[in-house]
Amino acid sequence: MKSTRLVIDRFEGMFAVCEAENHTNVSIPLTSLPEGCREGDIITKVGTRYTIDQAATAADKRRIDDKFNSLLAHRELEEESGSHLP
């Protein structure tokens, strides 16, 4: 059975707005999701059931944190040197 991977972007009323791998948005009723879902969680759908992919969510969070920290370090270097690096 094929699985679908989605990222929870935000919650609007009784729906979670998720981004699919093809960058389209999908609205899913909150009643269809497992308890404890949060923005940024990666969920997969197999058949009619959604589950949180804890490993993929943690890896994605680490990737985003690393990118953010890299940007901060780059900014600090610019401020220390008084120049703006490309």
PDB file of N, CA and C in Angstrom:
ATOM      1  N   MET A   1       0.837  -1.180   0.000  1.00  0.00           N
ATOM      2  CA  MET A   1       0.000   0.000   0.000  1.00  0.00           C
ATOM      3  C   MET A   1       0.887   1.249   0.000  1.00  0.00           C
ATOM      4  N   LYS A   2       0.576   2.202  -0.838  1.00  0.00           N
ATOM      5  CA  LYS A   2       1.357   3.422  -0.976  1.00  0.00           C
ATOM      6  C   LYS A   2       1.074   4.373   0.189  1.00  0.00           C
ATOM      7  N   SER A   3       2.137   5.034   0.684  1.00  0.00           N
ATOM      8  CA  SER A   3       1.947   6.015   1.749  1.00  0.00           C
ATOM      9  C   SER A   3       2.128   7.418   1.191  1.00  0.00           C
ATOM     10  N   THR A   4       1.460   8.369   1.820  1.00  0.00           N
ATOM     11  CA  THR A   4       1.545   9.773   1.458  1.00  0.00           C
ATOM     12  C   THR A   4       2.209  10.519   2.598  1.00  0.00           C
ATOM     13  N   ARG A   5       3.191  11.369   2.281  1.00  0.00           N
ATOM     14  CA  ARG A   5       3.922  12.136   3.293  1.00  0.00           C
ATOM     15  C   ARG A   5       3.451  13.579   3.244  1.00  0.00           C
ATOM     16  N   LEU A   6       3.087  14.126   4.403  1.00  0.00           N
ATOM     17  CA  LEU A   6       2.598  15.494   4.516  1.00  0.00           C
ATOM     18  C   LEU A   6       3.275  16.185   5.693  1.00  0.00           C
ATOM     19  N   VAL A   7       3.412  17.506   5.609  1.00  0.00           N
ATOM     20  CA  VAL A   7       3.933  18.291   6.723  1.00  0.00           C
ATOM     21  C   VAL A   7       2.802  19.203   7.199  1.00  0.00           C
ATOM     22  N   ILE A   8       2.538  19.181   8.503  1.00  0.00           N
ATOM     23  CA  ILE A   8       1.496  20.054   9.041  1.00  0.00           C
ATOM     24  C   ILE A   8       2.035  21.482   9.048  1.00  0.00           C
ATOM     25  N   ASP A   9       1.404  22.340   8.258  1.00  0.00           N
ATOM     26  CA  ASP A   9       1.822  23.735   8.160  1.00  0.00           C
ATOM     27  C   ASP A   9       1.162  24.585   9.237  1.00  0.00           C
ATOM     28  N   ARG A  10      -0.155  24.395   9.417  1.00  0.00           N
ATOM     29  CA  ARG A  10      -0.884  25.207  10.391  1.00  0.00           C
ATOM     30  C   ARG A  10      -2.238  24.563  10.663  1.00  0.00           C
ATOM     31  N   PHE A  11      -2.892  25.091  11.674  1.00  0.00           N
ATOM     32  CA  PHE A  11      -4.244  24.654  12.007  1.00  0.00           C
ATOM     33  C   PHE A  11      -5.199  25.808  11.749  1.00  0.00           C
ATOM     34  N   GLU A  12      -6.297  25.505  11.097  1.00  0.00           N
ATOM     35  CA  GLU A  12      -7.341  26.488  10.812  1.00  0.00           C
ATOM     36  C   GLU A  12      -8.675  25.878  11.199  1.00  0.00           C
ATOM     37  N   GLY A  13      -9.228  26.369  12.293  1.00  0.00           N
ATOM     38  CA  GLY A  13     -10.505  25.839  12.759  1.00  0.00           C
ATOM     39  C   GLY A  13     -10.388  24.361  13.078  1.00  0.00           C
ATOM     40  N   MET A  14     -11.188  23.565  12.435  1.00  0.00           N
ATOM     41  CA  MET A  14     -11.229  22.127  12.681  1.00  0.00           C
ATOM     42  C   MET A  14     -10.389  21.332  11.681  1.00  0.00           C
ATOM     43  N   PHE A  15      -9.450  22.025  11.007  1.00  0.00           N
ATOM     44  CA  PHE A  15      -8.623  21.381   9.991  1.00  0.00           C
ATOM     45  C   PHE A  15      -7.144  21.659  10.224  1.00  0.00           C
ATOM     46  N   ALA A  16      -6.319  20.724   9.782  1.00  0.00           N
ATOM     47  CA  ALA A  16      -4.879  20.929   9.687  1.00  0.00           C
ATOM     48  C   ALA A  16      -4.580  21.158   8.215  1.00  0.00           C
ATOM     49  N   VAL A  17      -3.898  22.255   7.919  1.00  0.00           N
ATOM     50  CA  VAL A  17      -3.490  22.531   6.547  1.00  0.00           C
ATOM     51  C   VAL A  17      -2.085  21.958   6.400  1.00  0.00           C
ATOM     52  N   CYS A  18      -1.938  21.001   5.499  1.00  0.00           N
ATOM     53  CA  CYS A  18      -0.684  20.279   5.327  1.00  0.00           C
ATOM     54  C   CYS A  18      -0.118  20.524   3.935  1.00  0.00           C
ATOM     55  N   GLU A  19       1.204  20.475   3.852  1.00  0.00           N
ATOM     56  CA  GLU A  19       1.858  20.604   2.556  1.00  0.00           C
ATOM     57  C   GLU A  19       2.299  19.220   2.094  1.00  0.00           C
ATOM     58  N   ALA A  20       1.899  18.879   0.892  1.00  0.00           N
ATOM     59  CA  ALA A  20       2.277  17.593   0.302  1.00  0.00           C
ATOM     60  C   ALA A  20       3.651  17.723  -0.344  1.00  0.00           C
ATOM     61  N   GLU A  21       4.227  16.600  -0.708  1.00  0.00           N
ATOM     62  CA  GLU A  21       5.560  16.592  -1.321  1.00  0.00           C
ATOM     63  C   GLU A  21       5.604  17.368  -2.632  1.00  0.00           C
ATOM     64  N   ASN A  22       4.470  17.491  -3.321  1.00  0.00           N
ATOM     65  CA  ASN A  22       4.419  18.251  -4.578  1.00  0.00           C
ATOM     66  C   ASN A  22       4.091  19.725  -4.323  1.00  0.00           C
ATOM     67  N   HIS A  23       4.180  20.161  -3.060  1.00  0.00           N
ATOM     68  CA  HIS A  23       3.988  21.552  -2.623  1.00  0.00           C
ATOM     69  C   HIS A  23       2.557  22.049  -2.739  1.00  0.00           C
ATOM     70  N   THR A  24       1.601  21.144  -2.820  1.00  0.00           N
ATOM     71  CA  THR A  24       0.198  21.544  -2.773  1.00  0.00           C
ATOM     72  C   THR A  24      -0.288  21.446  -1.336  1.00  0.00           C
ATOM     73  N   ASN A  25      -1.318  22.212  -1.012  1.00  0.00           N
ATOM     74  CA  ASN A  25      -1.892  22.173   0.328  1.00  0.00           C
ATOM     75  C   ASN A  25      -3.074  21.224   0.373  1.00  0.00           C
ATOM     76  N   VAL A  26      -3.179  20.517   1.490  1.00  0.00           N
ATOM     77  CA  VAL A  26      -4.257  19.576   1.712  1.00  0.00           C
ATOM     78  C   VAL A  26      -4.831  19.877   3.090  1.00  0.00           C
ATOM     79  N   SER A  27      -6.147  20.030   3.194  1.00  0.00           N
ATOM     80  CA  SER A  27      -6.802  20.241   4.479  1.00  0.00           C
ATOM     81  C   SER A  27      -7.317  18.906   4.989  1.00  0.00           C
ATOM     82  N   ILE A  28      -6.949  18.589   6.226  1.00  0.00           N
ATOM     83  CA  ILE A  28      -7.339  17.319   6.828  1.00  0.00           C
ATOM     84  C   ILE A  28      -8.115  17.609   8.109  1.00  0.00           C
ATOM     85  N   PRO A  29      -9.284  16.994   8.284  1.00  0.00           N
ATOM     86  CA  PRO A  29     -10.032  17.203   9.524  1.00  0.00           C
ATOM     87  C   PRO A  29      -9.193  16.756  10.732  1.00  0.00           C
ATOM     88  N   LEU A  30      -9.208  17.567  11.789  1.00  0.00           N
ATOM     89  CA  LEU A  30      -8.445  17.225  12.989  1.00  0.00           C
ATOM     90  C   LEU A  30      -8.846  15.873  13.556  1.00  0.00           C
ATOM     91  N   THR A  31     -10.100  15.503  13.360  1.00  0.00           N
ATOM     92  CA  THR A  31     -10.586  14.224  13.880  1.00  0.00           C
ATOM     93  C   THR A  31      -9.925  13.030  13.181  1.00  0.00           C
ATOM     94  N   SER A  32      -9.307  13.260  12.019  1.00  0.00           N
ATOM     95  CA  SER A  32      -8.638  12.181  11.280  1.00  0.00           C
ATOM     96  C   SER A  32      -7.178  12.004  11.690  1.00  0.00           C
ATOM     97  N   LEU A  33      -6.638  12.976  12.442  1.00  0.00           N
ATOM     98  CA  LEU A  33      -5.220  12.948  12.805  1.00  0.00           C
ATOM     99  C   LEU A  33      -5.008  12.334  14.183  1.00  0.00           C
ATOM    100  N   PRO A  34      -3.813  11.777  14.407  1.00  0.00           N
ATOM    101  CA  PRO A  34      -3.529  11.254  15.740  1.00  0.00           C
ATOM    102  C   PRO A  34      -3.436  12.395  16.753  1.00  0.00           C
ATOM    103  N   GLU A  35      -3.758  12.104  17.994  1.00  0.00           N
ATOM    104  CA  GLU A  35      -3.660  13.104  19.046  1.00  0.00           C
ATOM    105  C   GLU A  35      -2.227  13.571  19.205  1.00  0.00           C
ATOM    106  N   GLY A  36      -2.077  14.840  19.526  1.00  0.00           N
ATOM    107  CA  GLY A  36      -0.751  15.373  19.795  1.00  0.00           C
ATOM    108  C   GLY A  36      -0.035  15.944  18.589  1.00  0.00           C
ATOM    109  N   CYS A  37      -0.680  15.984  17.426  1.00  0.00           N
ATOM    110  CA  CYS A  37      -0.040  16.554  16.237  1.00  0.00           C
ATOM    111  C   CYS A  37       0.231  18.036  16.469  1.00  0.00           C
ATOM    112  N   ARG A  38       1.367  18.490  15.930  1.00  0.00           N
ATOM    113  CA  ARG A  38       1.750  19.902  16.047  1.00  0.00           C
ATOM    114  C   ARG A  38       2.200  20.415  14.694  1.00  0.00           C
ATOM    115  N   GLU A  39       2.251  21.733  14.581  1.00  0.00           N
ATOM    116  CA  GLU A  39       2.777  22.339  13.362  1.00  0.00           C
ATOM    117  C   GLU A  39       4.204  21.871  13.165  1.00  0.00           C
ATOM    118  N   GLY A  40       4.549  21.529  11.935  1.00  0.00           N
ATOM    119  CA  GLY A  40       5.882  21.045  11.622  1.00  0.00           C
ATOM    120  C   GLY A  40       6.010  19.533  11.657  1.00  0.00           C
ATOM    121  N   ASP A  41       5.035  18.844  12.256  1.00  0.00           N
ATOM    122  CA  ASP A  41       5.089  17.377  12.280  1.00  0.00           C
ATOM    123  C   ASP A  41       4.946  16.826  10.867  1.00  0.00           C
ATOM    124  N   ILE A  42       5.684  15.774  10.606  1.00  0.00           N
ATOM    125  CA  ILE A  42       5.548  15.055   9.346  1.00  0.00           C
ATOM    126  C   ILE A  42       4.639  13.870   9.623  1.00  0.00           C
ATOM    127  N   ILE A  43       3.582  13.806   8.849  1.00  0.00           N
ATOM    128  CA  ILE A  43       2.639  12.709   9.013  1.00  0.00           C
ATOM    129  C   ILE A  43       2.610  11.894   7.730  1.00  0.00           C
ATOM    130  N   THR A  44       2.286  10.630   7.887  1.00  0.00           N
ATOM    131  CA  THR A  44       2.132   9.772   6.717  1.00  0.00           C
ATOM    132  C   THR A  44       0.735   9.159   6.757  1.00  0.00           C
ATOM    133  N   LYS A  45       0.219   8.938   5.586  1.00  0.00           N
ATOM    134  CA  LYS A  45      -1.090   8.308   5.464  1.00  0.00           C
ATOM    135  C   LYS A  45      -0.904   7.002   4.721  1.00  0.00           C
ATOM    136  N   VAL A  46      -1.302   5.950   5.361  1.00  0.00           N
ATOM    137  CA  VAL A  46      -1.311   4.634   4.729  1.00  0.00           C
ATOM    138  C   VAL A  46      -2.753   4.158   4.786  1.00  0.00           C
ATOM    139  N   GLY A  47      -3.330   3.987   3.623  1.00  0.00           N
ATOM    140  CA  GLY A  47      -4.747   3.643   3.577  1.00  0.00           C
ATOM    141  C   GLY A  47      -5.554   4.833   4.048  1.00  0.00           C
ATOM    142  N   THR A  48      -6.311   4.656   5.127  1.00  0.00           N
ATOM    143  CA  THR A  48      -7.121   5.744   5.675  1.00  0.00           C
ATOM    144  C   THR A  48      -6.565   6.252   7.004  1.00  0.00           C
ATOM    145  N   ARG A  49      -5.397   5.759   7.399  1.00  0.00           N
ATOM    146  CA  ARG A  49      -4.851   6.085   8.721  1.00  0.00           C
ATOM    147  C   ARG A  49      -3.638   7.014   8.619  1.00  0.00           C
ATOM    148  N   TYR A  50      -3.623   8.047   9.462  1.00  0.00           N
ATOM    149  CA  TYR A  50      -2.493   8.963   9.558  1.00  0.00           C
ATOM    150  C   TYR A  50      -1.681   8.641  10.801  1.00  0.00           C
ATOM    151  N   THR A  51      -0.356   8.723  10.669  1.00  0.00           N
ATOM    152  CA  THR A  51       0.527   8.562  11.823  1.00  0.00           C
ATOM    153  C   THR A  51       1.613   9.638  11.765  1.00  0.00           C
ATOM    154  N   ILE A  52       2.144   9.989  12.930  1.00  0.00           N
ATOM    155  CA  ILE A  52       3.242  10.949  12.988  1.00  0.00           C
ATOM    156  C   ILE A  52       4.534  10.181  12.753  1.00  0.00           C
ATOM    157  N   ASP A  53       5.326  10.642  11.820  1.00  0.00           N
ATOM    158  CA  ASP A  53       6.639  10.046  11.565  1.00  0.00           C
ATOM    159  C   ASP A  53       7.641  10.777  12.454  1.00  0.00           C
ATOM    160  N   GLN A  54       7.851  10.237  13.653  1.00  0.00           N
ATOM    161  CA  GLN A  54       8.696  10.891  14.654  1.00  0.00           C
ATOM    162  C   GLN A  54      10.130  11.079  14.161  1.00  0.00           C
ATOM    163  N   ALA A  55      10.682  10.075  13.514  1.00  0.00           N
ATOM    164  CA  ALA A  55      12.073  10.150  13.043  1.00  0.00           C
ATOM    165  C   ALA A  55      12.225  11.222  11.968  1.00  0.00           C
ATOM    166  N   ALA A  56      11.308  11.251  11.009  1.00  0.00           N
ATOM    167  CA  ALA A  56      11.381  12.250   9.935  1.00  0.00           C
ATOM    168  C   ALA A  56      11.155  13.656  10.484  1.00  0.00           C
ATOM    169  N   THR A  57      10.245  13.793  11.450  1.00  0.00           N
ATOM    170  CA  THR A  57       9.983  15.093  12.069  1.00  0.00           C
ATOM    171  C   THR A  57      11.232  15.587  12.786  1.00  0.00           C
ATOM    172  N   ALA A  58      11.890  14.720  13.551  1.00  0.00           N
ATOM    173  CA  ALA A  58      13.104  15.104  14.284  1.00  0.00           C
ATOM    174  C   ALA A  58      14.231  15.465  13.322  1.00  0.00           C
ATOM    175  N   ALA A  59      14.380  14.713  12.248  1.00  0.00           N
ATOM    176  CA  ALA A  59      15.429  14.992  11.262  1.00  0.00           C
ATOM    177  C   ALA A  59      15.177  16.330  10.573  1.00  0.00           C
ATOM    178  N   ASP A  60      13.922  16.609  10.237  1.00  0.00           N
ATOM    179  CA  ASP A  60      13.581  17.867   9.590  1.00  0.00           C
ATOM    180  C   ASP A  60      13.826  19.044  10.531  1.00  0.00           C
ATOM    181  N   LYS A  61      13.480  18.876  11.805  1.00  0.00           N
ATOM    182  CA  LYS A  61      13.714  19.934  12.788  1.00  0.00           C
ATOM    183  C   LYS A  61      15.211  20.203  12.933  1.00  0.00           C
ATOM    184  N   ARG A  62      16.021  19.141  12.974  1.00  0.00           N
ATOM    185  CA  ARG A  62      17.483  19.316  13.060  1.00  0.00           C
ATOM    186  C   ARG A  62      18.015  20.057  11.836  1.00  0.00           C
ATOM    187  N   ARG A  63      17.523  19.702  10.658  1.00  0.00           N
ATOM    188  CA  ARG A  63      17.961  20.354   9.420  1.00  0.00           C
ATOM    189  C   ARG A  63      17.634  21.840   9.452  1.00  0.00           C
ATOM    190  N   ILE A  64      16.436  22.177   9.887  1.00  0.00           N
ATOM    191  CA  ILE A  64      16.021  23.581   9.956  1.00  0.00           C
ATOM    192  C   ILE A  64      16.825  24.329  11.015  1.00  0.00           C
ATOM    193  N   ASP A  65      17.030  23.714  12.182  1.00  0.00           N
ATOM    194  CA  ASP A  65      17.831  24.342  13.242  1.00  0.00           C
ATOM    195  C   ASP A  65      19.263  24.581  12.779  1.00  0.00           C
ATOM    196  N   ASP A  66      19.849  23.604  12.085  1.00  0.00           N
ATOM    197  CA  ASP A  66      21.217  23.757  11.578  1.00  0.00           C
ATOM    198  C   ASP A  66      21.304  24.901  10.571  1.00  0.00           C
ATOM    199  N   LYS A  67      20.321  25.001   9.691  1.00  0.00           N
ATOM    200  CA  LYS A  67      20.311  26.078   8.698  1.00  0.00           C
ATOM    201  C   LYS A  67      20.178  27.438   9.393  1.00  0.00           C
ATOM    202  N   PHE A  68      19.298  27.528  10.374  1.00  0.00           N
ATOM    203  CA  PHE A  68      19.099  28.773  11.115  1.00  0.00           C
ATOM    204  C   PHE A  68      20.386  29.170  11.843  1.00  0.00           C
ATOM    205  N   ASN A  69      21.021  28.206  12.509  1.00  0.00           N
ATOM    206  CA  ASN A  69      22.265  28.501  13.225  1.00  0.00           C
ATOM    207  C   ASN A  69      23.381  28.928  12.273  1.00  0.00           C
ATOM    208  N   SER A  70      23.416  28.350  11.094  1.00  0.00           N
ATOM    209  CA  SER A  70      24.400  28.737  10.092  1.00  0.00           C
ATOM    210  C   SER A  70      24.175  30.187   9.647  1.00  0.00           C
ATOM    211  N   LEU A  71      22.923  30.551   9.468  1.00  0.00           N
ATOM    212  CA  LEU A  71      22.600  31.927   9.091  1.00  0.00           C
ATOM    213  C   LEU A  71      22.993  32.908  10.199  1.00  0.00           C
ATOM    214  N   LEU A  72      22.748  32.533  11.436  1.00  0.00           N
ATOM    215  CA  LEU A  72      23.138  33.396  12.556  1.00  0.00           C
ATOM    216  C   LEU A  72      24.646  33.565  12.613  1.00  0.00           C
ATOM    217  N   ALA A  73      25.378  32.479  12.419  1.00  0.00           N
ATOM    218  CA  ALA A  73      26.841  32.548  12.446  1.00  0.00           C
ATOM    219  C   ALA A  73      27.347  33.441  11.324  1.00  0.00           C
ATOM    220  N   HIS A  74      26.745  33.326  10.147  1.00  0.00           N
ATOM    221  CA  HIS A  74      27.120  34.155   8.997  1.00  0.00           C
ATOM    222  C   HIS A  74      26.867  35.633   9.316  1.00  0.00           C
ATOM    223  N   ARG A  75      25.751  35.910   9.933  1.00  0.00           N
ATOM    224  CA  ARG A  75      25.413  37.294  10.291  1.00  0.00           C
ATOM    225  C   ARG A  75      26.399  37.843  11.322  1.00  0.00           C
ATOM    226  N   GLU A  76      26.761  37.036  12.311  1.00  0.00           N
ATOM    227  CA  GLU A  76      27.718  37.471  13.326  1.00  0.00           C
ATOM    228  C   GLU A  76      29.072  37.788  12.699  1.00  0.00           C
ATOM    229  N   LEU A  77      29.498  36.975  11.726  1.00  0.00           N
ATOM    230  CA  LEU A  77      30.766  37.240  11.037  1.00  0.00           C
ATOM    231  C   LEU A  77      30.707  38.570  10.291  1.00  0.00           C
ATOM    232  N   GLU A  78      29.585  38.831   9.651  1.00  0.00           N
ATOM    233  CA  GLU A  78      29.423  40.108   8.943  1.00  0.00           C
ATOM    234  C   GLU A  78      29.515  41.284   9.907  1.00  0.00           C
ATOM    235  N   GLU A  79      28.864  41.159  11.046  1.00  0.00           N
ATOM    236  CA  GLU A  79      28.856  42.249  12.020  1.00  0.00           C
ATOM    237  C   GLU A  79      30.252  42.467  12.605  1.00  0.00           C
ATOM    238  N   GLU A  80      30.982  41.382  12.869  1.00  0.00           N
ATOM    239  CA  GLU A  80      32.326  41.498  13.423  1.00  0.00           C
ATOM    240  C   GLU A  80      33.293  42.121  12.429  1.00  0.00           C
ATOM    241  N   SER A  81      33.166  41.781  11.161  1.00  0.00           N
ATOM    242  CA  SER A  81      34.102  42.269  10.162  1.00  0.00           C
ATOM    243  C   SER A  81      33.696  43.637   9.606  1.00  0.00           C
ATOM    244  N   GLY A  82      32.455  44.020   9.840  1.00  0.00           N
ATOM    245  CA  GLY A  82      31.977  45.282   9.312  1.00  0.00           C
ATOM    246  C   GLY A  82      31.702  45.251   7.841  1.00  0.00           C
ATOM    247  N   SER A  83      31.676  44.060   7.263  1.00  0.00           N
ATOM    248  CA  SER A  83      31.388  43.937   5.831  1.00  0.00           C
ATOM    249  C   SER A  83      30.168  43.039   5.654  1.00  0.00           C
ATOM    250  N   HIS A  84      29.685  43.055   4.462  1.00  0.00           N
ATOM    251  CA  HIS A  84      28.560  42.190   4.118  1.00  0.00           C
ATOM    252  C   HIS A  84      29.029  41.166   3.110  1.00  0.00           C
ATOM    253  N   LEU A  85      29.112  39.932   3.552  1.00  0.00           N
ATOM    254  CA  LEU A  85      29.559  38.846   2.684  1.00  0.00           C
ATOM    255  C   LEU A  85      28.419  38.434   1.767  1.00  0.00           C
ATOM    256  N   PRO A  86      28.752  37.998   0.563  1.00  0.00           N
ATOM    257  CA  PRO A  86      27.678  37.560  -0.358  1.00  0.00           C
ATOM    258  C   PRO A  86      27.021  36.289   0.115  1.00  0.00           C
TER     259      PRO A  86
END
